[in-house]
Amino acid sequence: MNAVSLDLSDAEVATALLELQRRAYEVEAALIGSRDIPPLTE
């Protein structure tokens, strides 16, 4: 697996990354049984 740089000044890239982060935190919230984690409430 290789690391790549993302251009976060590109709105499409930033939006896709934010959606990926939210999906990951949804999985984490389900695993711990709580949606009260800051990334999902802020």
Protein backbone atom coordinates (compact mmCIF):
# COMPACT_ATOMS: atom_id res chain seq x y z
CA MET A 1 0.00 0.00 0.00
CA ASN A 2 1.33 3.42 -0.92
CA ALA A 3 0.55 6.75 0.68
CA VAL A 4 -0.63 9.51 -1.63
CA SER A 5 -0.96 13.23 -1.14
CA LEU A 6 -4.41 14.74 -1.49
CA ASP A 7 -5.09 18.27 -2.66
CA LEU A 8 -7.48 19.46 0.05
CA SER A 9 -7.84 22.82 -1.69
CA ASP A 10 -9.83 20.91 -4.33
CA ALA A 11 -13.44 21.06 -3.11
CA GLU A 12 -14.35 17.71 -4.66
CA VAL A 13 -11.43 15.95 -2.96
CA ALA A 14 -12.14 17.63 0.40
CA THR A 15 -15.83 16.72 0.21
CA ALA A 16 -15.04 13.08 -0.62
CA LEU A 17 -12.55 12.87 2.25
CA LEU A 18 -15.06 14.33 4.71
CA GLU A 19 -17.67 11.79 3.61
CA LEU A 20 -15.15 8.97 4.08
CA GLN A 21 -14.32 10.23 7.58
CA ARG A 22 -18.01 10.40 8.52
CA ARG A 23 -18.59 6.84 7.29
CA ALA A 24 -15.61 5.60 9.32
CA TYR A 25 -16.90 7.32 12.46
CA GLU A 26 -20.36 5.81 11.87
CA VAL A 27 -18.74 2.36 12.01
CA GLU A 28 -16.83 3.31 15.16
CA ALA A 29 -20.00 4.68 16.77
CA ALA A 30 -21.83 1.43 16.01
CA LEU A 31 -19.00 -0.61 17.50
CA ILE A 32 -19.01 1.33 20.77
CA GLY A 33 -22.79 1.74 20.85
CA SER A 34 -22.78 5.54 21.00
CA ARG A 35 -23.15 8.33 18.47
CA ASP A 36 -21.94 10.90 21.01
CA ILE A 37 -18.43 11.15 19.62
CA PRO A 38 -17.29 14.64 18.56
CA PRO A 39 -16.72 13.89 14.86
CA LEU A 40 -20.40 12.97 14.54
CA THR A 41 -21.79 15.81 16.63
CA GLU A 42 -19.67 18.77 15.51
